């Protein structure tokens, strides 16, 4: 990647003819600072959001507003890969109070059905407001009159209202990547009205599922002055559209990677060394308490107990991607999972073989695709998830049409990928039975189900998602 050019932020007259790119506002920039032997450089971050939005911004006159990832002063605005980047500063205290505190100590657990109880710490609220206002001001400095701003996710729910105050002529969209909870849960938030008023500053509020959209509308009409319309809310003289806009993946890219000879060879190597004649069950998750990794391991242990020779027939590979390691809840979760893996391997292993291979690391994309290609069964069993793109990535990496996806009914992806084996992740016995069903599924049924799943992700990829959302916002 080329070294970025630092320069002052250009004024609103800049841009290319035709449709002007939006101002994207997200918690993080689409690049990360990587240290090298020669110093440091900015490197494009992986992920569906970056791959979807980068083409819309490259050379378009739009920009991406976000935190650069390090506490302290922000770098000057710069261009990288044809994208204008506007870093926002966060102090060390704000990283703790806004990000670790309110965003991930209150909103994250509450919006995931309170699978861990949120901490309603009063001292976290004002930093959340202050940081959101700072992001809004950075966006307002870049947006043209009547231009488009697209705000992303739970860390920035106050940005639409703050931006509306500064740039009332802007078209403002907001997309929530995580679930929006039932009103009975959301209503426990002491700042429920203020959060809703933040979202209602947008012209369009998007969610992963219809249920999330309905939950939002019900909360807005209960706790604010919003009035329900036909697919919209009337609020302070404006019409706020809302609805489901489920995100997807770059399907073609994953399929292309899976077809590479080097990746196919690596997949065969995995099957020889890890499988060694056994069927491979695979889990790939951030190490987060919402992902249900501990219950999945319990279900796998139950599967082993049902069969005398299961160790010779099946192996579970669990990839746990490090996440928020400095937060106590996540450190404790890691300890529980690793203890559980050790217990299963100690009870069921025979010295030369173990039933669970545990990888605590972030895999490069090609390596991850090789694992998707090598697996017989993909286990995606979160307790609650906005979408879960791992499920869609697995499907995209199965060009031969085989393999089985076991998917939690509480993941947003289950609404689209209904030909997966859907499970209740709280039901350990039921999951063990589904694992058994997946392992015994005839190849013809695997291919029938996988063909249906593939049609879903082929028909609507991440580029379609971005274009549809912006069309709805700007229409």
Foldseek 3Di string as FASTA:
>chain_A
DDAKDFDADDAQVDFDPDAAFAAEEEAEDQWAWDQDPVGIGTDGHDDFVCVQRVVSAQRGLYAYEHARPDADDGGHFIDDNRHTYHHFHHHPVLCVQLPVNCQVQAVVCLQQVNPPPHDQDPVSPVSLVVSLLRSLVSNLRRADQQGEYEYEEDSNLQNLLSNCVRRVRYAYEYEHFWAGDALVSLVVRPCSLNSLSSNVSHQEYEAQAQVRQVRSVVSCVVRHVWDDDDQWTQDPNGTRHYGYQHAAGPLVVLLVLLPDPVLQVLLVVCCCPQVVQAAEEEEEEAQDQQQLLVLQLLLVLVLPVVDPCNQNHYAYEYEYEYDPCVDVVSVVSVVVNVVSLVVQQVVPPDVVGGRYHYHHHDDDPSNVLSNLQNHQEYERAGQATRADHVQVSSLSSHPVQGHAYEHEPRHSNCVQLVLGNYDNSVDSNRVSVSVVCSVPPDRVSSNVSSVSSVVSCVVDHNNNSVVVVVVVSSD
